[in-house]
PDB file of all heavy atoms in Angstrom:
ATOM      1  N   ALA A   1       4.486 -16.977   8.214  1.00  0.00           N
ATOM      2  CA  ALA A   1       5.530 -17.419   9.149  1.00  0.00           C
ATOM      3  C   ALA A   1       6.076 -18.789   8.753  1.00  0.00           C
ATOM      4  O   ALA A   1       7.289 -19.024   8.825  1.00  0.00           O
ATOM      5  CB  ALA A   1       4.969 -17.457  10.575  1.00  0.00           C
ATOM      6  N   ILE A   2       5.204 -19.692   8.315  1.00  0.00           N
ATOM      7  CA  ILE A   2       5.655 -21.020   7.867  1.00  0.00           C
ATOM      8  C   ILE A   2       6.549 -20.876   6.640  1.00  0.00           C
ATOM      9  O   ILE A   2       7.615 -21.492   6.549  1.00  0.00           O
ATOM     10  CB  ILE A   2       4.456 -21.943   7.578  1.00  0.00           C
ATOM     11  CG1 ILE A   2       3.734 -22.305   8.878  1.00  0.00           C
ATOM     12  CG2 ILE A   2       4.908 -23.208   6.845  1.00  0.00           C
ATOM     13  CD1 ILE A   2       2.394 -22.990   8.675  1.00  0.00           C
ATOM     14  N   CYS A   3       6.119 -20.059   5.708  1.00  0.00           N
ATOM     15  CA  CYS A   3       6.910 -19.821   4.493  1.00  0.00           C
ATOM     16  C   CYS A   3       8.277 -19.254   4.871  1.00  0.00           C
ATOM     17  O   CYS A   3       9.307 -19.728   4.392  1.00  0.00           O
ATOM     18  CB  CYS A   3       6.152 -18.862   3.575  1.00  0.00           C
ATOM     19  SG  CYS A   3       6.995 -18.500   2.028  1.00  0.00           S
ATOM     20  N   ASP A   4       8.283 -18.270   5.743  1.00  0.00           N
ATOM     21  CA  ASP A   4       9.519 -17.614   6.163  1.00  0.00           C
ATOM     22  C   ASP A   4      10.461 -18.594   6.860  1.00  0.00           C
ATOM     23  O   ASP A   4      11.645 -18.677   6.540  1.00  0.00           O
ATOM     24  CB  ASP A   4       9.198 -16.442   7.091  1.00  0.00           C
ATOM     25  CG  ASP A   4      10.424 -15.645   7.443  1.00  0.00           C
ATOM     26  OD1 ASP A   4      11.000 -15.025   6.530  1.00  0.00           O
ATOM     27  OD2 ASP A   4      10.818 -15.652   8.633  1.00  0.00           O
ATOM     28  N   LYS A   5       9.919 -19.352   7.791  1.00  0.00           N
ATOM     29  CA  LYS A   5      10.737 -20.293   8.566  1.00  0.00           C
ATOM     30  C   LYS A   5      11.309 -21.393   7.664  1.00  0.00           C
ATOM     31  O   LYS A   5      12.458 -21.804   7.830  1.00  0.00           O
ATOM     32  CB  LYS A   5       9.907 -20.916   9.678  1.00  0.00           C
ATOM     33  CG  LYS A   5      10.705 -21.791  10.608  1.00  0.00           C
ATOM     34  CD  LYS A   5       9.870 -22.285  11.771  1.00  0.00           C
ATOM     35  CE  LYS A   5      10.727 -23.118  12.701  1.00  0.00           C
ATOM     36  NZ  LYS A   5      10.007 -23.574  13.865  1.00  0.00           N
ATOM     37  N   THR A   6      10.528 -21.849   6.705  1.00  0.00           N
ATOM     38  CA  THR A   6      10.949 -22.940   5.832  1.00  0.00           C
ATOM     39  C   THR A   6      12.007 -22.502   4.823  1.00  0.00           C
ATOM     40  O   THR A   6      12.951 -23.244   4.544  1.00  0.00           O
ATOM     41  CB  THR A   6       9.737 -23.514   5.070  1.00  0.00           C
ATOM     42  OG1 THR A   6       8.750 -23.912   6.021  1.00  0.00           O
ATOM     43  CG2 THR A   6      10.128 -24.702   4.218  1.00  0.00           C
ATOM     44  N   LEU A   7      11.864 -21.299   4.286  1.00  0.00           N
ATOM     45  CA  LEU A   7      12.706 -20.900   3.145  1.00  0.00           C
ATOM     46  C   LEU A   7      13.769 -19.847   3.457  1.00  0.00           C
ATOM     47  O   LEU A   7      14.637 -19.601   2.610  1.00  0.00           O
ATOM     48  CB  LEU A   7      11.813 -20.425   1.998  1.00  0.00           C
ATOM     49  CG  LEU A   7      10.898 -21.511   1.436  1.00  0.00           C
ATOM     50  CD1 LEU A   7       9.894 -20.928   0.461  1.00  0.00           C
ATOM     51  CD2 LEU A   7      11.719 -22.604   0.781  1.00  0.00           C
ATOM     52  N   ARG A   8      13.721 -19.241   4.623  1.00  0.00           N
ATOM     53  CA  ARG A   8      14.729 -18.219   4.948  1.00  0.00           C
ATOM     54  C   ARG A   8      16.125 -18.840   4.884  1.00  0.00           C
ATOM     55  O   ARG A   8      16.367 -19.905   5.425  1.00  0.00           O
ATOM     56  CB  ARG A   8      14.488 -17.633   6.339  1.00  0.00           C
ATOM     57  CG  ARG A   8      15.507 -16.546   6.688  1.00  0.00           C
ATOM     58  CD  ARG A   8      15.168 -15.821   7.960  1.00  0.00           C
ATOM     59  NE  ARG A   8      13.929 -15.066   7.879  1.00  0.00           N
ATOM     60  CZ  ARG A   8      13.817 -13.855   7.307  1.00  0.00           C
ATOM     61  NH1 ARG A   8      14.862 -13.296   6.756  1.00  0.00           N
ATOM     62  NH2 ARG A   8      12.663 -13.234   7.290  1.00  0.00           N
ATOM     63  N   GLY A   9      17.016 -18.164   4.212  1.00  0.00           N
ATOM     64  CA  GLY A   9      18.385 -18.651   4.059  1.00  0.00           C
ATOM     65  C   GLY A   9      18.541 -19.668   2.935  1.00  0.00           C
ATOM     66  O   GLY A   9      19.654 -20.024   2.571  1.00  0.00           O
ATOM     67  N   GLN A  10      17.433 -20.146   2.375  1.00  0.00           N
ATOM     68  CA  GLN A  10      17.478 -21.130   1.292  1.00  0.00           C
ATOM     69  C   GLN A  10      17.354 -20.465  -0.074  1.00  0.00           C
ATOM     70  O   GLN A  10      17.781 -21.034  -1.080  1.00  0.00           O
ATOM     71  CB  GLN A  10      16.346 -22.150   1.446  1.00  0.00           C
ATOM     72  CG  GLN A  10      16.308 -22.845   2.789  1.00  0.00           C
ATOM     73  CD  GLN A  10      17.549 -23.666   3.042  1.00  0.00           C
ATOM     74  OE1 GLN A  10      17.982 -24.412   2.176  1.00  0.00           O
ATOM     75  NE2 GLN A  10      18.140 -23.522   4.214  1.00  0.00           N
ATOM     76  N   VAL A  11      16.707 -19.302  -0.105  1.00  0.00           N
ATOM     77  CA  VAL A  11      16.484 -18.584  -1.358  1.00  0.00           C
ATOM     78  C   VAL A  11      16.847 -17.118  -1.157  1.00  0.00           C
ATOM     79  O   VAL A  11      16.968 -16.640  -0.019  1.00  0.00           O
ATOM     80  CB  VAL A  11      15.009 -18.695  -1.837  1.00  0.00           C
ATOM     81  CG1 VAL A  11      14.653 -20.124  -2.195  1.00  0.00           C
ATOM     82  CG2 VAL A  11      14.044 -18.135  -0.799  1.00  0.00           C
ATOM     83  N   HIS A  12      17.012 -16.418  -2.253  1.00  0.00           N
ATOM     84  CA  HIS A  12      17.318 -14.989  -2.204  1.00  0.00           C
ATOM     85  C   HIS A  12      16.189 -14.264  -1.460  1.00  0.00           C
ATOM     86  O   HIS A  12      15.024 -14.636  -1.593  1.00  0.00           O
ATOM     87  CB  HIS A  12      17.446 -14.446  -3.636  1.00  0.00           C
ATOM     88  CG  HIS A  12      18.019 -13.077  -3.683  1.00  0.00           C
ATOM     89  ND1 HIS A  12      17.243 -11.958  -3.454  1.00  0.00           N
ATOM     90  CD2 HIS A  12      19.280 -12.635  -3.910  1.00  0.00           C
ATOM     91  CE1 HIS A  12      17.995 -10.879  -3.547  1.00  0.00           C
ATOM     92  NE2 HIS A  12      19.239 -11.264  -3.818  1.00  0.00           N
ATOM     93  N   PRO A  13      16.510 -13.244  -0.690  1.00  0.00           N
ATOM     94  CA  PRO A  13      15.465 -12.508   0.036  1.00  0.00           C
ATOM     95  C   PRO A  13      14.332 -11.991  -0.859  1.00  0.00           C
ATOM     96  O   PRO A  13      13.181 -11.952  -0.420  1.00  0.00           O
ATOM     97  CB  PRO A  13      16.233 -11.347   0.687  1.00  0.00           C
ATOM     98  CG  PRO A  13      17.622 -11.872   0.850  1.00  0.00           C
ATOM     99  CD  PRO A  13      17.855 -12.763  -0.338  1.00  0.00           C
ATOM    100  N   TYR A  14      14.628 -11.611  -2.093  1.00  0.00           N
ATOM    101  CA  TYR A  14      13.563 -11.160  -2.997  1.00  0.00           C
ATOM    102  C   TYR A  14      12.586 -12.299  -3.289  1.00  0.00           C
ATOM    103  O   TYR A  14      11.384 -12.081  -3.377  1.00  0.00           O
ATOM    104  CB  TYR A  14      14.139 -10.641  -4.315  1.00  0.00           C
ATOM    105  CG  TYR A  14      14.817  -9.297  -4.237  1.00  0.00           C
ATOM    106  CD1 TYR A  14      15.384  -8.733  -5.367  1.00  0.00           C
ATOM    107  CD2 TYR A  14      14.893  -8.569  -3.053  1.00  0.00           C
ATOM    108  CE1 TYR A  14      16.012  -7.500  -5.325  1.00  0.00           C
ATOM    109  CE2 TYR A  14      15.529  -7.340  -2.998  1.00  0.00           C
ATOM    110  CZ  TYR A  14      16.081  -6.808  -4.140  1.00  0.00           C
ATOM    111  OH  TYR A  14      16.695  -5.581  -4.088  1.00  0.00           O
ATOM    112  N   VAL A  15      13.122 -13.490  -3.459  1.00  0.00           N
ATOM    113  CA  VAL A  15      12.267 -14.649  -3.735  1.00  0.00           C
ATOM    114  C   VAL A  15      11.418 -14.955  -2.505  1.00  0.00           C
ATOM    115  O   VAL A  15      10.209 -15.195  -2.612  1.00  0.00           O
ATOM    116  CB  VAL A  15      13.100 -15.883  -4.156  1.00  0.00           C
ATOM    117  CG1 VAL A  15      12.223 -17.116  -4.297  1.00  0.00           C
ATOM    118  CG2 VAL A  15      13.854 -15.595  -5.452  1.00  0.00           C
ATOM    119  N   LEU A  16      12.033 -14.927  -1.334  1.00  0.00           N
ATOM    120  CA  LEU A  16      11.301 -15.183  -0.100  1.00  0.00           C
ATOM    121  C   LEU A  16      10.188 -14.159   0.091  1.00  0.00           C
ATOM    122  O   LEU A  16       9.048 -14.519   0.384  1.00  0.00           O
ATOM    123  CB  LEU A  16      12.253 -15.172   1.104  1.00  0.00           C
ATOM    124  CG  LEU A  16      11.600 -15.392   2.461  1.00  0.00           C
ATOM    125  CD1 LEU A  16      10.870 -16.736   2.512  1.00  0.00           C
ATOM    126  CD2 LEU A  16      12.648 -15.298   3.564  1.00  0.00           C
ATOM    127  N   ASN A  17      10.510 -12.896  -0.098  1.00  0.00           N
ATOM    128  CA  ASN A  17       9.494 -11.855   0.069  1.00  0.00           C
ATOM    129  C   ASN A  17       8.380 -12.001  -0.970  1.00  0.00           C
ATOM    130  O   ASN A  17       7.209 -11.777  -0.668  1.00  0.00           O
ATOM    131  CB  ASN A  17      10.123 -10.466  -0.007  1.00  0.00           C
ATOM    132  CG  ASN A  17      10.946 -10.157   1.224  1.00  0.00           C
ATOM    133  OD1 ASN A  17      10.735 -10.737   2.294  1.00  0.00           O
ATOM    134  ND2 ASN A  17      11.908  -9.262   1.082  1.00  0.00           N
ATOM    135  N   PHE A  18       8.740 -12.396  -2.173  1.00  0.00           N
ATOM    136  CA  PHE A  18       7.747 -12.615  -3.217  1.00  0.00           C
ATOM    137  C   PHE A  18       6.790 -13.736  -2.807  1.00  0.00           C
ATOM    138  O   PHE A  18       5.568 -13.600  -2.921  1.00  0.00           O
ATOM    139  CB  PHE A  18       8.461 -12.966  -4.532  1.00  0.00           C
ATOM    140  CG  PHE A  18       7.537 -13.166  -5.689  1.00  0.00           C
ATOM    141  CD1 PHE A  18       6.900 -12.086  -6.285  1.00  0.00           C
ATOM    142  CD2 PHE A  18       7.308 -14.428  -6.199  1.00  0.00           C
ATOM    143  CE1 PHE A  18       6.043 -12.262  -7.354  1.00  0.00           C
ATOM    144  CE2 PHE A  18       6.455 -14.616  -7.267  1.00  0.00           C
ATOM    145  CZ  PHE A  18       5.821 -13.532  -7.847  1.00  0.00           C
ATOM    146  N   LEU A  19       7.342 -14.828  -2.310  1.00  0.00           N
ATOM    147  CA  LEU A  19       6.505 -15.944  -1.863  1.00  0.00           C
ATOM    148  C   LEU A  19       5.616 -15.537  -0.689  1.00  0.00           C
ATOM    149  O   LEU A  19       4.453 -15.947  -0.613  1.00  0.00           O
ATOM    150  CB  LEU A  19       7.373 -17.140  -1.480  1.00  0.00           C
ATOM    151  CG  LEU A  19       8.070 -17.838  -2.644  1.00  0.00           C
ATOM    152  CD1 LEU A  19       9.084 -18.844  -2.128  1.00  0.00           C
ATOM    153  CD2 LEU A  19       7.061 -18.501  -3.554  1.00  0.00           C
ATOM    154  N   LYS A  20       6.160 -14.729   0.202  1.00  0.00           N
ATOM    155  CA  LYS A  20       5.362 -14.270   1.337  1.00  0.00           C
ATOM    156  C   LYS A  20       4.205 -13.388   0.869  1.00  0.00           C
ATOM    157  O   LYS A  20       3.093 -13.482   1.402  1.00  0.00           O
ATOM    158  CB  LYS A  20       6.259 -13.548   2.344  1.00  0.00           C
ATOM    159  CG  LYS A  20       7.160 -14.533   3.090  1.00  0.00           C
ATOM    160  CD  LYS A  20       8.333 -13.939   3.822  1.00  0.00           C
ATOM    161  CE  LYS A  20       8.105 -12.846   4.762  1.00  0.00           C
ATOM    162  NZ  LYS A  20       9.309 -12.437   5.505  1.00  0.00           N
ATOM    163  N   ILE A  21       4.433 -12.587  -0.131  1.00  0.00           N
ATOM    164  CA  ILE A  21       3.347 -11.765  -0.699  1.00  0.00           C
ATOM    165  C   ILE A  21       2.274 -12.670  -1.295  1.00  0.00           C
ATOM    166  O   ILE A  21       1.075 -12.449  -1.084  1.00  0.00           O
ATOM    167  CB  ILE A  21       3.895 -10.784  -1.757  1.00  0.00           C
ATOM    168  CG1 ILE A  21       4.709  -9.684  -1.075  1.00  0.00           C
ATOM    169  CG2 ILE A  21       2.764 -10.189  -2.590  1.00  0.00           C
ATOM    170  CD1 ILE A  21       5.509  -8.812  -2.033  1.00  0.00           C
ATOM    171  N   LEU A  22       2.699 -13.692  -2.037  1.00  0.00           N
ATOM    172  CA  LEU A  22       1.719 -14.619  -2.608  1.00  0.00           C
ATOM    173  C   LEU A  22       0.923 -15.320  -1.500  1.00  0.00           C
ATOM    174  O   LEU A  22      -0.293 -15.496  -1.622  1.00  0.00           O
ATOM    175  CB  LEU A  22       2.404 -15.652  -3.510  1.00  0.00           C
ATOM    176  CG  LEU A  22       3.025 -15.136  -4.811  1.00  0.00           C
ATOM    177  CD1 LEU A  22       3.666 -16.285  -5.584  1.00  0.00           C
ATOM    178  CD2 LEU A  22       2.019 -14.404  -5.672  1.00  0.00           C
ATOM    179  N   CYS A  23       1.607 -15.710  -0.421  1.00  0.00           N
ATOM    180  CA  CYS A  23       0.911 -16.348   0.708  1.00  0.00           C
ATOM    181  C   CYS A  23      -0.080 -15.378   1.347  1.00  0.00           C
ATOM    182  O   CYS A  23      -1.209 -15.757   1.660  1.00  0.00           O
ATOM    183  CB  CYS A  23       1.914 -16.816   1.761  1.00  0.00           C
ATOM    184  SG  CYS A  23       2.812 -18.298   1.312  1.00  0.00           S
ATOM    185  N   GLU A  24       0.342 -14.135   1.542  1.00  0.00           N
ATOM    186  CA  GLU A  24      -0.539 -13.131   2.139  1.00  0.00           C
ATOM    187  C   GLU A  24      -1.810 -12.945   1.326  1.00  0.00           C
ATOM    188  O   GLU A  24      -2.889 -12.774   1.860  1.00  0.00           O
ATOM    189  CB  GLU A  24       0.174 -11.780   2.252  1.00  0.00           C
ATOM    190  CG  GLU A  24       1.165 -11.695   3.362  1.00  0.00           C
ATOM    191  CD  GLU A  24       1.897 -10.357   3.378  1.00  0.00           C
ATOM    192  OE1 GLU A  24       1.697  -9.528   2.451  1.00  0.00           O
ATOM    193  OE2 GLU A  24       2.671 -10.140   4.316  1.00  0.00           O
ATOM    194  N   ARG A  25      -1.657 -12.973   0.025  1.00  0.00           N
ATOM    195  CA  ARG A  25      -2.793 -12.722  -0.866  1.00  0.00           C
ATOM    196  C   ARG A  25      -3.574 -13.999  -1.192  1.00  0.00           C
ATOM    197  O   ARG A  25      -4.523 -13.952  -1.948  1.00  0.00           O
ATOM    198  CB  ARG A  25      -2.312 -12.073  -2.143  1.00  0.00           C
ATOM    199  CG  ARG A  25      -1.653 -10.731  -1.901  1.00  0.00           C
ATOM    200  CD  ARG A  25      -1.342 -10.021  -3.179  1.00  0.00           C
ATOM    201  NE  ARG A  25      -0.570  -8.827  -2.944  1.00  0.00           N
ATOM    202  CZ  ARG A  25      -1.085  -7.637  -2.657  1.00  0.00           C
ATOM    203  NH1 ARG A  25      -2.383  -7.499  -2.572  1.00  0.00           N
ATOM    204  NH2 ARG A  25      -0.308  -6.598  -2.478  1.00  0.00           N
ATOM    205  N   GLY A  26      -3.118 -15.130  -0.639  1.00  0.00           N
ATOM    206  CA  GLY A  26      -3.791 -16.395  -0.931  1.00  0.00           C
ATOM    207  C   GLY A  26      -3.640 -16.784  -2.391  1.00  0.00           C
ATOM    208  O   GLY A  26      -4.534 -17.382  -2.984  1.00  0.00           O
ATOM    209  N   ALA A  27      -2.503 -16.427  -2.962  1.00  0.00           N
ATOM    210  CA  ALA A  27      -2.307 -16.612  -4.400  1.00  0.00           C
ATOM    211  C   ALA A  27      -1.109 -17.497  -4.726  1.00  0.00           C
ATOM    212  O   ALA A  27      -0.549 -17.396  -5.818  1.00  0.00           O
ATOM    213  CB  ALA A  27      -2.139 -15.244  -5.067  1.00  0.00           C
ATOM    214  N   LEU A  28      -0.732 -18.370  -3.819  1.00  0.00           N
ATOM    215  CA  LEU A  28       0.407 -19.244  -4.094  1.00  0.00           C
ATOM    216  C   LEU A  28       0.135 -20.147  -5.297  1.00  0.00           C
ATOM    217  O   LEU A  28       1.062 -20.567  -5.984  1.00  0.00           O
ATOM    218  CB  LEU A  28       0.770 -20.073  -2.865  1.00  0.00           C
ATOM    219  CG  LEU A  28       2.143 -20.717  -2.890  1.00  0.00           C
ATOM    220  CD1 LEU A  28       3.239 -19.675  -3.021  1.00  0.00           C
ATOM    221  CD2 LEU A  28       2.365 -21.538  -1.644  1.00  0.00           C
ATOM    222  N   CYS A  29      -1.132 -20.397  -5.575  1.00  0.00           N
ATOM    223  CA  CYS A  29      -1.494 -21.207  -6.747  1.00  0.00           C
ATOM    224  C   CYS A  29      -1.078 -20.527  -8.051  1.00  0.00           C
ATOM    225  O   CYS A  29      -1.020 -21.176  -9.097  1.00  0.00           O
ATOM    226  CB  CYS A  29      -2.994 -21.489  -6.761  1.00  0.00           C
ATOM    227  SG  CYS A  29      -3.999 -19.992  -6.840  1.00  0.00           S
ATOM    228  N   GLU A  30      -0.752 -19.256  -8.006  1.00  0.00           N
ATOM    229  CA  GLU A  30      -0.318 -18.508  -9.189  1.00  0.00           C
ATOM    230  C   GLU A  30       1.197 -18.588  -9.408  1.00  0.00           C
ATOM    231  O   GLU A  30       1.718 -18.029 -10.367  1.00  0.00           O
ATOM    232  CB  GLU A  30      -0.714 -17.027  -9.057  1.00  0.00           C
ATOM    233  CG  GLU A  30      -2.193 -16.788  -8.995  1.00  0.00           C
ATOM    234  CD  GLU A  30      -2.866 -16.876 -10.348  1.00  0.00           C
ATOM    235  OE1 GLU A  30      -2.167 -17.004 -11.373  1.00  0.00           O
ATOM    236  OE2 GLU A  30      -4.093 -16.813 -10.384  1.00  0.00           O
ATOM    237  N   PHE A  31       1.894 -19.279  -8.506  1.00  0.00           N
ATOM    238  CA  PHE A  31       3.364 -19.272  -8.562  1.00  0.00           C
ATOM    239  C   PHE A  31       3.902 -19.753  -9.905  1.00  0.00           C
ATOM    240  O   PHE A  31       4.806 -19.133 -10.472  1.00  0.00           O
ATOM    241  CB  PHE A  31       3.963 -20.110  -7.429  1.00  0.00           C
ATOM    242  CG  PHE A  31       5.459 -20.138  -7.477  1.00  0.00           C
ATOM    243  CD1 PHE A  31       6.194 -19.077  -7.001  1.00  0.00           C
ATOM    244  CD2 PHE A  31       6.137 -21.217  -8.036  1.00  0.00           C
ATOM    245  CE1 PHE A  31       7.578 -19.076  -7.068  1.00  0.00           C
ATOM    246  CE2 PHE A  31       7.521 -21.228  -8.109  1.00  0.00           C
ATOM    247  CZ  PHE A  31       8.243 -20.155  -7.624  1.00  0.00           C
ATOM    248  N   ALA A  32       3.390 -20.858 -10.433  1.00  0.00           N
ATOM    249  CA  ALA A  32       3.903 -21.387 -11.706  1.00  0.00           C
ATOM    250  C   ALA A  32       3.732 -20.367 -12.825  1.00  0.00           C
ATOM    251  O   ALA A  32       4.623 -20.196 -13.667  1.00  0.00           O
ATOM    252  CB  ALA A  32       3.212 -22.705 -12.068  1.00  0.00           C
ATOM    253  N   GLY A  33       2.617 -19.668 -12.839  1.00  0.00           N
ATOM    254  CA  GLY A  33       2.397 -18.627 -13.846  1.00  0.00           C
ATOM    255  C   GLY A  33       3.352 -17.458 -13.661  1.00  0.00           C
ATOM    256  O   GLY A  33       3.842 -16.878 -14.637  1.00  0.00           O
ATOM    257  N   CYS A  34       3.621 -17.100 -12.414  1.00  0.00           N
ATOM    258  CA  CYS A  34       4.584 -16.031 -12.124  1.00  0.00           C
ATOM    259  C   CYS A  34       5.977 -16.421 -12.615  1.00  0.00           C
ATOM    260  O   CYS A  34       6.690 -15.599 -13.207  1.00  0.00           O
ATOM    261  CB  CYS A  34       4.624 -15.732 -10.624  1.00  0.00           C
ATOM    262  SG  CYS A  34       3.108 -15.037  -9.940  1.00  0.00           S
ATOM    263  N   GLU A  35       6.336 -17.679 -12.369  1.00  0.00           N
ATOM    264  CA  GLU A  35       7.639 -18.168 -12.834  1.00  0.00           C
ATOM    265  C   GLU A  35       7.705 -18.121 -14.359  1.00  0.00           C
ATOM    266  O   GLU A  35       8.711 -17.726 -14.938  1.00  0.00           O
ATOM    267  CB  GLU A  35       7.881 -19.596 -12.331  1.00  0.00           C
ATOM    268  CG  GLU A  35       9.263 -20.151 -12.611  1.00  0.00           C
ATOM    269  CD  GLU A  35       9.405 -20.887 -13.934  1.00  0.00           C
ATOM    270  OE1 GLU A  35       8.375 -21.218 -14.553  1.00  0.00           O
ATOM    271  OE2 GLU A  35      10.556 -21.128 -14.361  1.00  0.00           O
ATOM    272  N   ALA A  36       6.619 -18.484 -15.021  1.00  0.00           N
ATOM    273  CA  ALA A  36       6.583 -18.459 -16.490  1.00  0.00           C
ATOM    274  C   ALA A  36       6.704 -17.028 -17.019  1.00  0.00           C
ATOM    275  O   ALA A  36       7.409 -16.780 -18.010  1.00  0.00           O
ATOM    276  CB  ALA A  36       5.303 -19.115 -16.998  1.00  0.00           C
TER     277      ALA A  36
END
C-alpha cells in the first residue's frame, strides 16, 4: 500500500506492479539487479 500510494501516477503501471510484486516477496533489495 505504501509503494502504491507513493508511486501511483508517477511511473508506468507495469513498473508499479513490478515494484509491488518485489515488495510482496520481500525482494526489493533485488531491484538494482532487475534493472540491470
